Protein backbone atom coordinates (compact mmCIF):
# COMPACT_ATOMS: atom_id res chain seq x y z
CA MET A 1 74.63 47.05 -42.08
CA ILE A 2 75.59 49.55 -44.84
CA PHE A 3 74.11 52.85 -45.10
CA ILE A 4 73.15 53.62 -48.86
CA ASP A 5 73.62 57.25 -49.70
CA ASN A 6 70.73 58.75 -51.65
CA GLU A 7 72.54 62.04 -52.42
CA GLY A 8 69.74 64.35 -51.44
CA HIS A 9 67.54 63.49 -53.70
CA THR A 10 63.89 64.38 -53.14
CA ASN A 11 61.75 62.76 -56.05
CA PRO A 12 59.68 60.73 -54.88
CA LYS A 13 59.85 58.59 -58.28
CA LEU A 14 63.43 58.67 -57.93
CA ASN A 15 63.82 57.45 -54.34
CA LEU A 16 61.71 54.53 -54.98
CA ALA A 17 63.14 53.52 -57.65
CA LEU A 18 66.40 53.77 -55.93
CA GLU A 19 64.82 51.67 -53.34
CA GLU A 20 63.29 49.11 -55.30
CA TYR A 21 66.66 48.53 -57.35
CA ALA A 22 68.94 48.14 -53.93
CA LEU A 23 66.42 45.67 -52.70
CA ARG A 24 66.46 43.21 -56.27
CA HIS A 25 70.23 43.67 -57.19
CA PHE A 26 72.58 44.99 -53.98
CA ASP A 27 74.49 42.25 -52.64
CA ALA A 28 71.79 39.84 -51.06
CA SER A 29 74.53 38.24 -48.09
CA THR A 30 74.29 42.09 -46.65
CA ASN A 31 71.89 44.53 -44.87
CA TYR A 32 71.02 47.99 -46.03
CA LEU A 33 69.36 51.18 -44.62
CA LEU A 34 68.29 53.69 -46.65
CA PHE A 35 66.86 57.49 -45.64
CA TYR A 36 65.18 59.50 -48.29
CA ILE A 37 63.02 62.68 -47.79
CA ASN A 38 60.79 63.29 -50.76
CA GLU A 39 59.15 66.34 -52.06
CA PRO A 40 55.20 66.67 -51.76
CA SER A 41 53.43 63.58 -52.84
CA VAL A 42 50.92 61.17 -52.13
CA ILE A 43 52.39 57.48 -51.60
CA ILE A 44 49.38 54.97 -52.63
CA GLY A 45 49.98 51.59 -51.51
CA ARG A 46 50.19 48.74 -54.04
CA ASN A 47 46.38 47.16 -53.61
CA GLN A 48 44.87 50.51 -53.52
CA ASN A 49 42.39 52.29 -55.42
CA THR A 50 44.52 55.81 -56.29
CA ILE A 51 41.21 57.49 -57.56
CA GLU A 52 39.91 56.71 -53.78
CA GLU A 53 42.62 58.08 -52.02
CA ILE A 54 43.19 61.57 -53.32
CA ASN A 55 41.75 64.70 -53.36
CA PRO A 56 42.53 65.51 -57.38
CA ASN A 57 41.75 69.09 -57.62
CA TYR A 58 44.21 69.93 -54.93
CA ILE A 59 46.76 66.99 -56.11
CA SER A 60 46.72 69.29 -59.69
CA ALA A 61 46.56 72.62 -59.00
CA GLN A 62 49.84 72.08 -56.04
CA ASN A 63 51.72 69.99 -58.74
CA ILE A 64 51.87 67.19 -55.80
CA HIS A 65 53.46 64.05 -57.24
CA VAL A 66 51.38 60.78 -56.88
CA VAL A 67 53.35 57.43 -56.85
CA ARG A 68 52.64 54.05 -56.07
CA ARG A 69 54.88 51.89 -54.22
CA ILE A 70 55.52 48.05 -54.16
CA SER A 71 54.43 47.65 -50.11
CA GLY A 72 51.13 47.07 -49.25
CA GLY A 73 49.20 49.59 -46.72
CA GLY A 74 47.70 53.40 -46.86
CA ALA A 75 48.14 56.28 -48.84
CA VAL A 76 50.60 58.58 -46.93
CA TYR A 77 51.50 61.98 -47.37
CA HIS A 78 55.09 63.02 -48.09
CA ASP A 79 56.97 66.21 -47.60
CA LEU A 80 60.34 67.84 -46.91
CA GLY A 81 59.24 67.49 -42.83
CA ASN A 82 58.94 64.07 -43.39
CA LEU A 83 61.69 61.37 -42.75
CA ASN A 84 61.46 58.26 -44.31
CA PHE A 85 63.49 55.17 -43.68
CA SER A 86 63.78 51.66 -45.33
CA PHE A 87 65.34 48.37 -43.90
CA ILE A 88 66.63 46.30 -46.74
CA THR A 89 67.02 42.65 -45.29
CA ASP A 90 67.18 38.76 -45.90
CA HIS A 91 63.53 37.19 -46.03
CA ASP A 92 63.88 33.92 -43.74
CA GLY A 93 60.29 33.48 -43.73
CA GLN A 94 59.67 34.99 -40.20
CA GLN A 95 60.17 38.46 -40.35
CA ILE A 96 57.39 39.33 -42.90
CA SER A 97 54.95 41.24 -40.61
CA ASN A 98 57.40 41.36 -37.79
CA PHE A 99 57.13 44.62 -37.52
CA GLU A 100 58.39 45.23 -34.04
CA LYS A 101 61.51 43.99 -35.25
CA PHE A 102 62.27 46.25 -37.48
CA THR A 103 60.87 49.60 -35.63
CA ALA A 104 62.27 48.86 -32.09
CA PRO A 105 65.64 50.72 -32.90
CA VAL A 106 64.32 53.21 -34.39
CA ILE A 107 61.49 53.55 -31.09
CA SER A 108 64.69 53.29 -28.89
CA VAL A 109 66.36 56.43 -30.73
CA LEU A 110 63.36 58.44 -30.17
CA ASN A 111 63.19 57.26 -26.82
CA ASN A 112 66.26 58.30 -26.28
CA MET A 113 65.08 62.01 -27.71
CA GLY A 114 62.71 62.31 -25.48
CA VAL A 115 60.10 61.53 -27.52
CA PRO A 116 57.44 58.50 -25.59
CA ALA A 117 57.00 56.77 -28.87
CA ALA A 118 55.90 52.82 -29.15
CA LEU A 119 54.49 50.48 -31.48
CA LYS A 120 50.58 50.25 -31.44
CA GLY A 121 48.17 48.01 -32.90
CA ARG A 122 49.98 46.17 -36.42
CA ASN A 123 52.52 48.96 -38.08
CA ASP A 124 52.17 52.55 -36.13
CA ILE A 125 54.19 54.31 -33.80
CA LEU A 126 52.18 56.43 -31.82
CA VAL A 127 52.89 58.96 -28.86
CA THR A 128 50.15 58.38 -26.58
CA ASN A 129 47.13 58.28 -29.36
CA GLN A 130 48.58 60.10 -32.04
CA LYS A 131 50.59 58.37 -34.80
CA ILE A 132 53.87 59.80 -35.80
CA SER A 133 54.85 56.88 -37.98
CA GLY A 134 53.11 53.87 -40.31
CA THR A 135 55.02 51.34 -41.67
CA ALA A 136 55.10 48.56 -44.73
CA GLN A 137 56.72 45.59 -46.05
CA PHE A 138 57.70 44.06 -49.30
CA SER A 139 59.37 40.78 -50.20
CA THR A 140 60.66 39.14 -52.81
CA GLY A 141 60.92 35.80 -51.26
CA LYS A 142 64.49 35.93 -50.57
CA ARG A 143 64.75 39.59 -49.91
CA MET A 144 62.47 41.93 -48.21
CA ILE A 145 61.79 45.85 -47.40
CA SER A 146 60.54 47.08 -43.97
CA HIS A 147 60.05 50.66 -44.37
CA GLY A 148 57.87 53.96 -42.93
CA THR A 149 57.35 57.43 -42.25
CA LEU A 150 58.50 59.85 -39.64
CA LEU A 151 56.69 62.74 -39.59
CA PHE A 152 59.22 65.39 -38.00
CA ASN A 153 57.71 68.38 -38.92
CA THR A 154 55.05 67.53 -41.94
CA ASN A 155 52.43 70.24 -43.10
CA MET A 156 49.09 68.63 -41.16
CA ASP A 157 47.26 71.37 -43.41
CA GLU A 158 48.74 69.67 -46.59
CA VAL A 159 47.81 65.86 -45.70
CA ALA A 160 44.23 66.91 -45.04
CA LYS A 161 43.98 68.84 -48.17
CA ALA A 162 45.67 66.02 -50.31
CA LEU A 163 44.36 63.10 -49.02
CA HIS A 164 40.54 64.74 -48.84
CA VAL A 165 38.30 62.62 -50.63
CA LYS A 166 34.88 63.86 -51.45
CA LEU A 167 31.95 61.15 -50.23
CA ASP A 168 31.14 59.94 -54.14
CA LYS A 169 29.65 56.26 -54.33
CA ILE A 170 32.30 54.08 -55.15
CA ALA A 171 32.85 50.46 -54.94
CA SER A 172 35.91 48.50 -55.16
CA LYS A 173 38.33 45.94 -53.92
CA GLY A 174 40.58 47.97 -53.22
CA HIS A 175 42.41 48.26 -49.81
CA LYS A 176 41.08 51.72 -48.24
CA SER A 177 43.68 53.58 -45.95
CA VAL A 178 42.25 54.27 -42.70
CA ARG A 179 42.71 58.14 -41.17
CA SER A 180 44.35 58.18 -37.37
CA ARG A 181 45.25 60.96 -35.94
CA VAL A 182 48.64 62.43 -36.82
CA ALA A 183 50.96 64.39 -34.65
CA ASN A 184 54.61 65.57 -35.81
CA ILE A 185 57.84 64.66 -33.55
CA THR A 186 58.76 68.20 -33.06
CA ASP A 187 55.40 68.45 -31.00
CA PHE A 188 57.13 66.31 -28.30
CA LEU A 189 60.72 67.37 -28.61
CA SER A 190 62.19 69.39 -25.38
CA LYS A 191 64.21 71.96 -27.73
CA PRO A 192 63.84 72.64 -31.18
CA LEU A 193 65.52 70.42 -33.78
CA SER A 194 66.25 70.65 -37.57
CA MET A 195 65.89 67.99 -40.05
CA ALA A 196 69.06 67.45 -40.61
CA ALA A 197 70.23 67.11 -37.13
CA PHE A 198 66.94 64.51 -36.49
CA LYS A 199 68.55 62.72 -39.27
CA ASN A 200 72.03 62.44 -38.18
CA ASN A 201 70.49 61.82 -34.73
CA LEU A 202 68.45 58.82 -35.94
CA LEU A 203 71.61 57.45 -37.66
CA ALA A 204 73.86 57.78 -34.82
CA GLY A 205 71.42 56.01 -32.38
CA LEU A 206 70.98 53.03 -35.20
CA TYR A 207 74.42 52.71 -35.48
CA GLN A 208 75.25 52.14 -31.60
CA ALA A 209 72.23 49.49 -31.78
CA SER A 210 74.12 47.43 -34.78
CA GLU A 211 77.70 46.59 -35.85
CA PRO A 212 79.60 49.06 -37.42
CA PHE A 213 78.06 51.12 -40.34
CA GLU A 214 79.53 51.80 -43.72
CA THR A 215 77.84 54.26 -46.10
CA TYR A 216 77.82 53.51 -49.45
CA LYS A 217 77.48 55.58 -53.06
CA LEU A 218 75.89 54.24 -55.91
CA THR A 219 78.16 54.14 -59.34
CA GLU A 220 77.16 56.36 -62.11
CA THR A 221 76.38 53.00 -64.21
CA GLU A 222 74.07 51.85 -60.64
CA TRP A 223 72.43 55.38 -60.98
CA GLN A 224 71.57 55.03 -64.40
CA ALA A 225 69.81 51.86 -64.06
CA VAL A 226 67.50 53.76 -60.97
CA ARG A 227 66.89 56.24 -63.45
CA ASP A 228 65.66 53.71 -66.02
CA LEU A 229 63.61 52.12 -63.52
CA LYS A 230 61.55 55.29 -62.62
CA ALA A 231 61.39 55.98 -66.55
CA GLU A 232 60.07 52.48 -66.70
CA LYS A 233 57.74 52.09 -64.05
CA TYR A 234 57.26 54.84 -61.50
CA ASP A 235 56.75 57.62 -63.70
CA LEU A 236 54.10 55.55 -66.06
CA TRP A 237 50.55 56.23 -65.44
CA GLU A 238 49.91 52.46 -65.83
CA TRP A 239 52.01 51.98 -62.58
CA ASN A 240 50.33 54.77 -60.74
CA TYR A 241 47.04 55.00 -61.92
CA GLY A 242 46.44 51.88 -63.99
CA ARG A 243 47.37 49.17 -61.46
CA SER A 244 44.50 49.95 -59.46
CA PRO A 245 41.78 47.25 -59.02
CA LYS A 246 38.75 47.59 -60.99
CA PHE A 247 35.85 49.57 -59.71
CA ASN A 248 32.63 51.60 -60.34
CA ILE A 249 31.58 54.84 -59.22
CA GLN A 250 28.08 56.68 -59.57
CA ARG A 251 28.82 60.36 -60.01
CA GLN A 252 25.49 62.63 -60.40
CA LYS A 253 24.71 66.31 -60.13
CA ARG A 254 21.61 68.42 -61.21
CA PHE A 255 22.63 71.28 -63.82
CA ALA A 256 20.14 73.83 -65.94
CA ILE A 257 19.69 71.48 -68.32
CA GLY A 258 18.49 68.53 -66.10
CA GLU A 259 20.06 65.99 -63.85
CA ILE A 260 22.89 63.96 -65.09
CA ASP A 261 23.63 60.45 -63.57
CA MET A 262 26.52 58.27 -64.38
CA ARG A 263 27.79 54.86 -63.67
CA VAL A 264 31.22 54.47 -64.44
CA PHE A 265 32.99 51.33 -64.33
CA VAL A 266 36.75 51.49 -64.53
CA GLU A 267 39.54 48.38 -65.13
CA LYS A 268 43.12 48.88 -65.03
CA GLY A 269 42.72 52.56 -64.81
CA ARG A 270 40.39 52.76 -67.99
CA ILE A 271 36.95 53.24 -68.71
CA SER A 272 35.68 49.76 -69.43
CA ASP A 273 31.42 50.57 -69.21
CA ILE A 274 29.56 53.73 -68.90
CA LYS A 275 25.85 54.31 -68.46
CA ILE A 276 24.31 57.96 -68.41
CA PHE A 277 20.90 58.34 -67.37
CA GLY A 278 18.92 61.66 -66.17
CA ASP A 279 16.03 63.91 -67.12
CA PHE A 280 17.88 66.21 -69.55
CA PHE A 281 17.29 66.58 -73.53
CA GLY A 282 18.69 65.56 -76.21
CA ARG A 283 18.21 64.93 -79.93
CA GLN A 284 21.43 62.45 -80.41
CA PRO A 285 21.79 58.85 -78.46
CA ILE A 286 23.36 59.39 -75.38
CA SER A 287 24.60 55.30 -76.17
CA ASP A 288 27.02 57.04 -79.23
CA LEU A 289 28.84 59.06 -76.07
CA GLU A 290 28.69 56.08 -73.53
CA ALA A 291 30.68 54.58 -76.82
CA LEU A 292 33.15 56.86 -77.34
CA LEU A 293 34.43 56.60 -73.73
CA ILE A 294 35.02 53.08 -73.41
CA GLY A 295 38.45 52.33 -73.03
CA VAL A 296 39.85 56.37 -71.92
CA PRO A 297 41.74 56.08 -69.33
CA TYR A 298 39.85 57.30 -66.07
CA GLN A 299 42.06 60.42 -65.85
CA LYS A 300 40.52 64.19 -66.57
CA THR A 301 43.47 64.98 -69.42
CA ALA A 302 42.75 61.22 -71.16
CA ILE A 303 38.68 62.61 -71.36
CA GLU A 304 39.77 65.83 -72.43
CA ASN A 305 41.59 64.59 -75.20
CA GLN A 306 39.06 62.34 -75.98
CA LEU A 307 35.97 64.88 -75.94
CA ASN A 308 38.05 67.81 -77.46
CA ASN A 309 36.41 67.59 -81.08
CA LEU A 310 32.92 66.69 -79.85
CA ASN A 311 30.29 68.80 -79.59
CA LEU A 312 28.20 67.98 -76.24
CA THR A 313 24.87 69.76 -77.50
CA GLY A 314 23.07 67.30 -79.14
CA TYR A 315 23.76 64.94 -76.25
CA PHE A 316 22.57 67.33 -73.16
CA GLY A 317 21.94 71.06 -74.82
CA THR A 318 23.61 73.92 -73.84
CA LEU A 319 25.99 72.26 -71.34
CA PRO A 320 29.29 73.25 -70.91
CA LYS A 321 31.75 70.87 -71.66
CA THR A 322 34.00 71.76 -68.80
CA GLU A 323 31.11 70.96 -66.46
CA PHE A 324 30.45 67.33 -68.18
CA ILE A 325 34.15 66.49 -67.93
CA ASN A 326 34.48 68.24 -64.46
CA LEU A 327 31.50 65.38 -63.28
CA LEU A 328 32.78 62.35 -64.97
CA ALA A 329 36.40 63.10 -63.68
CA GLY A 330 35.33 64.17 -60.14
CA THR A 331 36.96 67.49 -60.51
CA ASP A 332 33.89 68.98 -60.20
């Protein structure tokens, strides 16, 4: 087992790029362990509809990263109080979905620290009925990642705010997250422990449970390749939002000018069709506005740019453009 040094990087897009690069390009005859800590971010599962998982107003206001990972499962919140672990190993056809095998050494270390953790359900680590870790896997066919979170001292208020989604009428085939009762590992420790000390204790415990480790530092050439992957994939709207499964959503609100009821159909992250109904009064055909929105990324900034030079008075009367955009984008 070789421990990969991520050199303290906390950008989630870079860390996910590093993880994928190691999976695809590091020595296939060797097992690897990677730790990383991310600054505030929401990490979306591979098969999820990003829009269904996040609170866009709060995400934008707090500059929280939204990044899609290559593994399945649900959306999770990361901050500097959350430690992520990743085992990169061979895939022999037997290990995929075998979460017990990969979580066992982590659970053992936690138990030795006095935290009565155990694997419950398919892929969660719990203390009593409180979730302290969720895990996921991804396979290339020959190699695989088994990775997970460890909620050490995460700001639970931020978890609730970032992942709080309004009850709009959304229909999609995306894999929806199941919210669980969560807790921090620090809640179960007999004495205070810093994140650095916790990370070192976990690493030392994993060392003891395996063959001797060595630490690997990436070359500058390898880091450049990681940065390239980040730029070409994890930085892109097309990956983080555009890869969402197709879905449709209803946005409805009553304004002074009357009620607006929109049915929005989204495919590959772009508006593929939109119908606007209501009891408002307008001189211009609403179909003209609908046509203007076809093909636009379903994202507030993109909608603003598309409607920047358009006067909506002819369609709705004296409705401020910002109110229409907020309704359409779900940021009202």
